[in-house]
Amino acid sequence: GLNNADFEKLKPYVRIQSQNESDKFVTQIQKN
């Protein structure tokens, strides 16, 4: 449902915190 125009508008604001292969649970990484 997300069209290309909206994605290109939001892409510069996407901030994804890094993950390593041994730990893929985002909540645990963000809360350390």
PDB file of all heavy atoms in Angstrom:
ATOM      1  N   GLY A   1       0.791  -1.220   0.000  1.00  0.00           N
ATOM      2  CA  GLY A   1       0.000   0.000   0.000  1.00  0.00           C
ATOM      3  C   GLY A   1       0.824   1.271   0.000  1.00  0.00           C
ATOM      4  O   GLY A   1       0.295   2.350  -0.302  1.00  0.00           O
ATOM      5  N   LEU A   2       2.104   1.172   0.336  1.00  0.00           N
ATOM      6  CA  LEU A   2       2.968   2.354   0.370  1.00  0.00           C
ATOM      7  C   LEU A   2       3.497   2.628  -1.031  1.00  0.00           C
ATOM      8  O   LEU A   2       4.271   1.833  -1.578  1.00  0.00           O
ATOM      9  CB  LEU A   2       4.124   2.132   1.351  1.00  0.00           C
ATOM     10  CG  LEU A   2       5.115   3.288   1.514  1.00  0.00           C
ATOM     11  CD1 LEU A   2       4.423   4.510   2.084  1.00  0.00           C
ATOM     12  CD2 LEU A   2       6.284   2.871   2.401  1.00  0.00           C
ATOM     13  N   ASN A   3       3.067   3.750  -1.630  1.00  0.00           N
ATOM     14  CA  ASN A   3       3.519   4.049  -2.985  1.00  0.00           C
ATOM     15  C   ASN A   3       4.930   4.621  -2.971  1.00  0.00           C
ATOM     16  O   ASN A   3       5.450   5.034  -1.933  1.00  0.00           O
ATOM     17  CB  ASN A   3       2.542   5.011  -3.686  1.00  0.00           C
ATOM     18  CG  ASN A   3       2.382   6.330  -2.949  1.00  0.00           C
ATOM     19  OD1 ASN A   3       3.369   6.959  -2.573  1.00  0.00           O
ATOM     20  ND2 ASN A   3       1.142   6.743  -2.737  1.00  0.00           N
ATOM     21  N   ASN A   4       5.542   4.659  -4.135  1.00  0.00           N
ATOM     22  CA  ASN A   4       6.944   5.060  -4.255  1.00  0.00           C
ATOM     23  C   ASN A   4       7.154   6.523  -3.864  1.00  0.00           C
ATOM     24  O   ASN A   4       8.177   6.868  -3.269  1.00  0.00           O
ATOM     25  CB  ASN A   4       7.423   4.831  -5.689  1.00  0.00           C
ATOM     26  CG  ASN A   4       8.917   5.032  -5.832  1.00  0.00           C
ATOM     27  OD1 ASN A   4       9.705   4.329  -5.212  1.00  0.00           O
ATOM     28  ND2 ASN A   4       9.312   5.998  -6.643  1.00  0.00           N
ATOM     29  N   ALA A   5       6.163   7.377  -4.167  1.00  0.00           N
ATOM     30  CA  ALA A   5       6.314   8.806  -3.848  1.00  0.00           C
ATOM     31  C   ALA A   5       6.383   9.023  -2.337  1.00  0.00           C
ATOM     32  O   ALA A   5       7.238   9.773  -1.841  1.00  0.00           O
ATOM     33  CB  ALA A   5       5.145   9.593  -4.439  1.00  0.00           C
ATOM     34  N   ASP A   6       5.486   8.363  -1.597  1.00  0.00           N
ATOM     35  CA  ASP A   6       5.501   8.505  -0.138  1.00  0.00           C
ATOM     36  C   ASP A   6       6.770   7.913   0.460  1.00  0.00           C
ATOM     37  O   ASP A   6       7.331   8.444   1.427  1.00  0.00           O
ATOM     38  CB  ASP A   6       4.271   7.823   0.472  1.00  0.00           C
ATOM     39  CG  ASP A   6       2.992   8.590   0.189  1.00  0.00           C
ATOM     40  OD1 ASP A   6       3.084   9.794  -0.093  1.00  0.00           O
ATOM     41  OD2 ASP A   6       1.901   7.984   0.239  1.00  0.00           O
ATOM     42  N   PHE A   7       7.216   6.789  -0.107  1.00  0.00           N
ATOM     43  CA  PHE A   7       8.439   6.169   0.413  1.00  0.00           C
ATOM     44  C   PHE A   7       9.650   7.071   0.221  1.00  0.00           C
ATOM     45  O   PHE A   7      10.465   7.246   1.124  1.00  0.00           O
ATOM     46  CB  PHE A   7       8.668   4.816  -0.255  1.00  0.00           C
ATOM     47  CG  PHE A   7      10.025   4.230   0.041  1.00  0.00           C
ATOM     48  CD1 PHE A   7      10.365   3.854   1.333  1.00  0.00           C
ATOM     49  CD2 PHE A   7      10.965   4.072  -0.962  1.00  0.00           C
ATOM     50  CE1 PHE A   7      11.617   3.323   1.615  1.00  0.00           C
ATOM     51  CE2 PHE A   7      12.209   3.548  -0.697  1.00  0.00           C
ATOM     52  CZ  PHE A   7      12.536   3.173   0.593  1.00  0.00           C
ATOM     53  N   GLU A   8       9.798   7.644  -0.977  1.00  0.00           N
ATOM     54  CA  GLU A   8      10.931   8.526  -1.247  1.00  0.00           C
ATOM     55  C   GLU A   8      10.902   9.759  -0.343  1.00  0.00           C
ATOM     56  O   GLU A   8      11.943  10.284   0.034  1.00  0.00           O
ATOM     57  CB  GLU A   8      10.918   8.952  -2.723  1.00  0.00           C
ATOM     58  CG  GLU A   8      11.207   7.814  -3.698  1.00  0.00           C
ATOM     59  CD  GLU A   8      12.589   7.210  -3.504  1.00  0.00           C
ATOM     60  OE1 GLU A   8      13.496   7.946  -3.048  1.00  0.00           O
ATOM     61  OE2 GLU A   8      12.764   6.012  -3.781  1.00  0.00           O
ATOM     62  N   LYS A   9       9.690  10.200   0.017  1.00  0.00           N
ATOM     63  CA  LYS A   9       9.560  11.360   0.898  1.00  0.00           C
ATOM     64  C   LYS A   9       9.999  11.009   2.323  1.00  0.00           C
ATOM     65  O   LYS A   9      10.618  11.825   3.019  1.00  0.00           O
ATOM     66  CB  LYS A   9       8.104  11.833   0.899  1.00  0.00           C
ATOM     67  CG  LYS A   9       7.838  13.023   1.824  1.00  0.00           C
ATOM     68  CD  LYS A   9       6.386  13.453   1.739  1.00  0.00           C
ATOM     69  CE  LYS A   9       5.462  12.375   2.256  1.00  0.00           C
ATOM     70  NZ  LYS A   9       4.045  12.803   2.269  1.00  0.00           N
ATOM     71  N   LEU A  10       9.722   9.769   2.750  1.00  0.00           N
ATOM     72  CA  LEU A  10      10.021   9.362   4.121  1.00  0.00           C
ATOM     73  C   LEU A  10      11.394   8.710   4.274  1.00  0.00           C
ATOM     74  O   LEU A  10      11.936   8.658   5.379  1.00  0.00           O
ATOM     75  CB  LEU A  10       8.949   8.381   4.622  1.00  0.00           C
ATOM     76  CG  LEU A  10       7.531   8.938   4.773  1.00  0.00           C
ATOM     77  CD1 LEU A  10       6.566   7.829   5.139  1.00  0.00           C
ATOM     78  CD2 LEU A  10       7.494  10.033   5.827  1.00  0.00           C
ATOM     79  N   LYS A  11      11.955   8.222   3.196  1.00  0.00           N
ATOM     80  CA  LYS A  11      13.215   7.476   3.262  1.00  0.00           C
ATOM     81  C   LYS A  11      14.335   8.228   3.979  1.00  0.00           C
ATOM     82  O   LYS A  11      15.056   7.637   4.796  1.00  0.00           O
ATOM     83  CB  LYS A  11      13.657   7.074   1.851  1.00  0.00           C
ATOM     84  CG  LYS A  11      14.908   6.208   1.827  1.00  0.00           C
ATOM     85  CD  LYS A  11      15.249   5.776   0.402  1.00  0.00           C
ATOM     86  CE  LYS A  11      16.504   4.915   0.380  1.00  0.00           C
ATOM     87  NZ  LYS A  11      16.843   4.489  -1.007  1.00  0.00           N
ATOM     88  N   PRO A  12      14.518   9.535   3.731  1.00  0.00           N
ATOM     89  CA  PRO A  12      15.616  10.239   4.431  1.00  0.00           C
ATOM     90  C   PRO A  12      15.441  10.294   5.943  1.00  0.00           C
ATOM     91  O   PRO A  12      16.400  10.578   6.671  1.00  0.00           O
ATOM     92  CB  PRO A  12      15.573  11.654   3.819  1.00  0.00           C
ATOM     93  CG  PRO A  12      14.871  11.501   2.522  1.00  0.00           C
ATOM     94  CD  PRO A  12      13.866  10.415   2.743  1.00  0.00           C
ATOM     95  N   TYR A  13      14.231  10.036   6.430  1.00  0.00           N
ATOM     96  CA  TYR A  13      13.958  10.140   7.861  1.00  0.00           C
ATOM     97  C   TYR A  13      13.944   8.776   8.565  1.00  0.00           C
ATOM     98  O   TYR A  13      13.737   8.698   9.763  1.00  0.00           O
ATOM     99  CB  TYR A  13      12.614  10.834   8.092  1.00  0.00           C
ATOM    100  CG  TYR A  13      12.569  12.238   7.543  1.00  0.00           C
ATOM    101  CD1 TYR A  13      12.118  12.478   6.245  1.00  0.00           C
ATOM    102  CD2 TYR A  13      12.990  13.318   8.308  1.00  0.00           C
ATOM    103  CE1 TYR A  13      12.091  13.772   5.722  1.00  0.00           C
ATOM    104  CE2 TYR A  13      12.963  14.611   7.802  1.00  0.00           C
ATOM    105  CZ  TYR A  13      12.515  14.828   6.504  1.00  0.00           C
ATOM    106  OH  TYR A  13      12.498  16.105   6.010  1.00  0.00           O
ATOM    107  N   VAL A  14      14.156   7.706   7.805  1.00  0.00           N
ATOM    108  CA  VAL A  14      14.168   6.367   8.402  1.00  0.00           C
ATOM    109  C   VAL A  14      15.461   6.163   9.179  1.00  0.00           C
ATOM    110  O   VAL A  14      16.557   6.359   8.655  1.00  0.00           O
ATOM    111  CB  VAL A  14      14.015   5.279   7.308  1.00  0.00           C
ATOM    112  CG1 VAL A  14      14.137   3.893   7.939  1.00  0.00           C
ATOM    113  CG2 VAL A  14      12.691   5.426   6.593  1.00  0.00           C
ATOM    114  N   ARG A  15      15.342   5.785  10.429  1.00  0.00           N
ATOM    115  CA  ARG A  15      16.495   5.532  11.295  1.00  0.00           C
ATOM    116  C   ARG A  15      16.354   4.129  11.885  1.00  0.00           C
ATOM    117  O   ARG A  15      15.528   3.891  12.766  1.00  0.00           O
ATOM    118  CB  ARG A  15      16.569   6.559  12.428  1.00  0.00           C
ATOM    119  CG  ARG A  15      16.653   8.006  11.966  1.00  0.00           C
ATOM    120  CD  ARG A  15      18.017   8.317  11.368  1.00  0.00           C
ATOM    121  NE  ARG A  15      18.147   9.743  11.086  1.00  0.00           N
ATOM    122  CZ  ARG A  15      17.775  10.304   9.937  1.00  0.00           C
ATOM    123  NH1 ARG A  15      17.267   9.553   8.980  1.00  0.00           N
ATOM    124  NH2 ARG A  15      17.902  11.609   9.748  1.00  0.00           N
ATOM    125  N   ILE A  16      17.120   3.190  11.402  1.00  0.00           N
ATOM    126  CA  ILE A  16      17.065   1.813  11.889  1.00  0.00           C
ATOM    127  C   ILE A  16      18.320   1.530  12.689  1.00  0.00           C
ATOM    128  O   ILE A  16      19.438   1.648  12.167  1.00  0.00           O
ATOM    129  CB  ILE A  16      16.937   0.813  10.727  1.00  0.00           C
ATOM    130  CG1 ILE A  16      15.637   1.067   9.946  1.00  0.00           C
ATOM    131  CG2 ILE A  16      16.966  -0.622  11.252  1.00  0.00           C
ATOM    132  CD1 ILE A  16      15.449   0.178   8.755  1.00  0.00           C
ATOM    133  N   GLN A  17      18.134   1.153  13.935  1.00  0.00           N
ATOM    134  CA  GLN A  17      19.279   0.860  14.785  1.00  0.00           C
ATOM    135  C   GLN A  17      19.918  -0.454  14.343  1.00  0.00           C
ATOM    136  O   GLN A  17      19.244  -1.384  13.924  1.00  0.00           O
ATOM    137  CB  GLN A  17      18.848   0.777  16.248  1.00  0.00           C
ATOM    138  CG  GLN A  17      18.267   2.104  16.752  1.00  0.00           C
ATOM    139  CD  GLN A  17      18.170   2.148  18.244  1.00  0.00           C
ATOM    140  OE1 GLN A  17      18.857   1.411  18.931  1.00  0.00           O
ATOM    141  NE2 GLN A  17      17.317   3.023  18.759  1.00  0.00           N
ATOM    142  N   SER A  18      21.218  -0.522  14.436  1.00  0.00           N
ATOM    143  CA  SER A  18      21.973  -1.671  13.948  1.00  0.00           C
ATOM    144  C   SER A  18      21.644  -2.929  14.738  1.00  0.00           C
ATOM    145  O   SER A  18      21.306  -2.901  15.906  1.00  0.00           O
ATOM    146  CB  SER A  18      23.473  -1.387  14.030  1.00  0.00           C
ATOM    147  OG  SER A  18      23.851  -1.156  15.378  1.00  0.00           O
ATOM    148  N   GLN A  19      21.738  -4.082  14.055  1.00  0.00           N
ATOM    149  CA  GLN A  19      21.510  -5.380  14.673  1.00  0.00           C
ATOM    150  C   GLN A  19      22.648  -6.312  14.271  1.00  0.00           C
ATOM    151  O   GLN A  19      23.176  -6.231  13.185  1.00  0.00           O
ATOM    152  CB  GLN A  19      20.181  -5.976  14.188  1.00  0.00           C
ATOM    153  CG  GLN A  19      18.980  -5.116  14.512  1.00  0.00           C
ATOM    154  CD  GLN A  19      17.718  -5.696  13.880  1.00  0.00           C
ATOM    155  OE1 GLN A  19      17.800  -6.441  12.921  1.00  0.00           O
ATOM    156  NE2 GLN A  19      16.581  -5.358  14.435  1.00  0.00           N
ATOM    157  N   ASN A  20      22.992  -7.241  15.169  1.00  0.00           N
ATOM    158  CA  ASN A  20      23.996  -8.242  14.804  1.00  0.00           C
ATOM    159  C   ASN A  20      23.303  -9.576  14.574  1.00  0.00           C
ATOM    160  O   ASN A  20      22.151  -9.770  14.901  1.00  0.00           O
ATOM    161  CB  ASN A  20      25.074  -8.375  15.884  1.00  0.00           C
ATOM    162  CG  ASN A  20      24.476  -8.619  17.257  1.00  0.00           C
ATOM    163  OD1 ASN A  20      23.678  -9.530  17.425  1.00  0.00           O
ATOM    164  ND2 ASN A  20      24.847  -7.804  18.239  1.00  0.00           N
ATOM    165  N   GLU A  21      24.004 -10.508  14.006  1.00  0.00           N
ATOM    166  CA  GLU A  21      23.409 -11.770  13.609  1.00  0.00           C
ATOM    167  C   GLU A  21      22.974 -12.624  14.794  1.00  0.00           C
ATOM    168  O   GLU A  21      22.053 -13.418  14.691  1.00  0.00           O
ATOM    169  CB  GLU A  21      24.409 -12.567  12.750  1.00  0.00           C
ATOM    170  CG  GLU A  21      24.610 -11.977  11.389  1.00  0.00           C
ATOM    171  CD  GLU A  21      23.330 -11.963  10.590  1.00  0.00           C
ATOM    172  OE1 GLU A  21      22.582 -12.945  10.694  1.00  0.00           O
ATOM    173  OE2 GLU A  21      23.085 -10.967   9.898  1.00  0.00           O
ATOM    174  N   SER A  22      23.633 -12.481  15.919  1.00  0.00           N
ATOM    175  CA  SER A  22      23.302 -13.332  17.059  1.00  0.00           C
ATOM    176  C   SER A  22      22.099 -12.839  17.841  1.00  0.00           C
ATOM    177  O   SER A  22      21.581 -13.545  18.685  1.00  0.00           O
ATOM    178  CB  SER A  22      24.510 -13.427  18.010  1.00  0.00           C
ATOM    179  OG  SER A  22      24.807 -12.143  18.538  1.00  0.00           O
ATOM    180  N   ASP A  23      21.665 -11.604  17.568  1.00  0.00           N
ATOM    181  CA  ASP A  23      20.537 -11.056  18.325  1.00  0.00           C
ATOM    182  C   ASP A  23      19.667 -10.248  17.387  1.00  0.00           C
ATOM    183  O   ASP A  23      20.034  -9.169  16.970  1.00  0.00           O
ATOM    184  CB  ASP A  23      21.059 -10.164  19.460  1.00  0.00           C
ATOM    185  CG  ASP A  23      19.940  -9.733  20.399  1.00  0.00           C
ATOM    186  OD1 ASP A  23      18.774 -10.056  20.097  1.00  0.00           O
ATOM    187  OD2 ASP A  23      20.238  -9.101  21.408  1.00  0.00           O
ATOM    188  N   LYS A  24      18.486 -10.765  17.040  1.00  0.00           N
ATOM    189  CA  LYS A  24      17.614 -10.133  16.062  1.00  0.00           C
ATOM    190  C   LYS A  24      16.348  -9.567  16.675  1.00  0.00           C
ATOM    191  O   LYS A  24      15.422  -9.226  15.966  1.00  0.00           O
ATOM    192  CB  LYS A  24      17.260 -11.137  14.964  1.00  0.00           C
ATOM    193  CG  LYS A  24      18.457 -11.570  14.153  1.00  0.00           C
ATOM    194  CD  LYS A  24      18.052 -12.444  13.002  1.00  0.00           C
ATOM    195  CE  LYS A  24      19.247 -12.834  12.160  1.00  0.00           C
ATOM    196  NZ  LYS A  24      18.883 -13.659  11.006  1.00  0.00           N
ATOM    197  N   PHE A  25      16.286  -9.491  17.962  1.00  0.00           N
ATOM    198  CA  PHE A  25      15.101  -8.943  18.605  1.00  0.00           C
ATOM    199  C   PHE A  25      15.310  -7.462  18.865  1.00  0.00           C
ATOM    200  O   PHE A  25      16.115  -7.048  19.678  1.00  0.00           O
ATOM    201  CB  PHE A  25      14.792  -9.671  19.916  1.00  0.00           C
ATOM    202  CG  PHE A  25      14.431 -11.094  19.692  1.00  0.00           C
ATOM    203  CD1 PHE A  25      15.359 -12.092  19.917  1.00  0.00           C
ATOM    204  CD2 PHE A  25      13.177 -11.427  19.245  1.00  0.00           C
ATOM    205  CE1 PHE A  25      15.019 -13.399  19.699  1.00  0.00           C
ATOM    206  CE2 PHE A  25      12.843 -12.739  19.020  1.00  0.00           C
ATOM    207  CZ  PHE A  25      13.767 -13.733  19.247  1.00  0.00           C
ATOM    208  N   VAL A  26      14.550  -6.638  18.135  1.00  0.00           N
ATOM    209  CA  VAL A  26      14.764  -5.202  18.129  1.00  0.00           C
ATOM    210  C   VAL A  26      14.560  -4.584  19.500  1.00  0.00           C
ATOM    211  O   VAL A  26      15.304  -3.700  19.919  1.00  0.00           O
ATOM    212  CB  VAL A  26      13.794  -4.548  17.112  1.00  0.00           C
ATOM    213  CG1 VAL A  26      13.948  -3.038  17.113  1.00  0.00           C
ATOM    214  CG2 VAL A  26      14.029  -5.121  15.746  1.00  0.00           C
ATOM    215  N   THR A  27      13.586  -5.025  20.233  1.00  0.00           N
ATOM    216  CA  THR A  27      13.287  -4.427  21.534  1.00  0.00           C
ATOM    217  C   THR A  27      14.462  -4.566  22.479  1.00  0.00           C
ATOM    218  O   THR A  27      14.813  -3.650  23.215  1.00  0.00           O
ATOM    219  CB  THR A  27      12.045  -5.098  22.150  1.00  0.00           C
ATOM    220  OG1 THR A  27      10.981  -5.022  21.217  1.00  0.00           O
ATOM    221  CG2 THR A  27      11.631  -4.418  23.445  1.00  0.00           C
ATOM    222  N   GLN A  28      15.092  -5.746  22.480  1.00  0.00           N
ATOM    223  CA  GLN A  28      16.220  -5.993  23.371  1.00  0.00           C
ATOM    224  C   GLN A  28      17.387  -5.082  23.025  1.00  0.00           C
ATOM    225  O   GLN A  28      18.073  -4.557  23.901  1.00  0.00           O
ATOM    226  CB  GLN A  28      16.634  -7.462  23.287  1.00  0.00           C
ATOM    227  CG  GLN A  28      17.626  -7.907  24.349  1.00  0.00           C
ATOM    228  CD  GLN A  28      19.051  -7.698  23.895  1.00  0.00           C
ATOM    229  OE1 GLN A  28      19.294  -7.482  22.723  1.00  0.00           O
ATOM    230  NE2 GLN A  28      19.987  -7.761  24.831  1.00  0.00           N
ATOM    231  N   ILE A  29      17.608  -4.847  21.736  1.00  0.00           N
ATOM    232  CA  ILE A  29      18.731  -4.015  21.312  1.00  0.00           C
ATOM    233  C   ILE A  29      18.509  -2.564  21.712  1.00  0.00           C
ATOM    234  O   ILE A  29      19.404  -1.894  22.234  1.00  0.00           O
ATOM    235  CB  ILE A  29      18.916  -4.113  19.788  1.00  0.00           C
ATOM    236  CG1 ILE A  29      19.292  -5.545  19.418  1.00  0.00           C
ATOM    237  CG2 ILE A  29      19.973  -3.151  19.295  1.00  0.00           C
ATOM    238  CD1 ILE A  29      19.388  -5.764  17.936  1.00  0.00           C
ATOM    239  N   GLN A  30      17.292  -2.071  21.478  1.00  0.00           N
ATOM    240  CA  GLN A  30      17.028  -0.667  21.730  1.00  0.00           C
ATOM    241  C   GLN A  30      17.073  -0.338  23.219  1.00  0.00           C
ATOM    242  O   GLN A  30      17.499   0.739  23.604  1.00  0.00           O
ATOM    243  CB  GLN A  30      15.662  -0.300  21.154  1.00  0.00           C
ATOM    244  CG  GLN A  30      15.648  -0.358  19.633  1.00  0.00           C
ATOM    245  CD  GLN A  30      14.274  -0.021  19.103  1.00  0.00           C
ATOM    246  OE1 GLN A  30      13.285  -0.171  19.791  1.00  0.00           O
ATOM    247  NE2 GLN A  30      14.219   0.427  17.873  1.00  0.00           N
ATOM    248  N   LYS A  31      16.603  -1.265  24.054  1.00  0.00           N
ATOM    249  CA  LYS A  31      16.588  -1.012  25.484  1.00  0.00           C
ATOM    250  C   LYS A  31      17.871  -1.464  26.174  1.00  0.00           C
ATOM    251  O   LYS A  31      18.032  -1.331  27.371  1.00  0.00           O
ATOM    252  CB  LYS A  31      15.384  -1.724  26.117  1.00  0.00           C
ATOM    253  CG  LYS A  31      14.055  -1.149  25.646  1.00  0.00           C
ATOM    254  CD  LYS A  31      12.905  -1.792  26.388  1.00  0.00           C
ATOM    255  CE  LYS A  31      11.578  -1.164  25.965  1.00  0.00           C
ATOM    256  NZ  LYS A  31      10.433  -1.757  26.697  1.00  0.00           N
ATOM    257  N   ASN A  32      18.770  -2.081  25.368  1.00  0.00           N
ATOM    258  CA  ASN A  32      20.050  -2.540  25.890  1.00  0.00           C
ATOM    259  C   ASN A  32      19.853  -3.473  27.089  1.00  0.00           C
ATOM    260  O   ASN A  32      20.526  -3.377  28.103  1.00  0.00           O
ATOM    261  CB  ASN A  32      20.942  -1.348  26.300  1.00  0.00           C
ATOM    262  CG  ASN A  32      22.386  -1.772  26.471  1.00  0.00           C
ATOM    263  OD1 ASN A  32      22.818  -2.768  25.865  1.00  0.00           O
ATOM    264  ND2 ASN A  32      23.123  -1.053  27.282  1.00  0.00           N
TER     265      ASN A  32
END
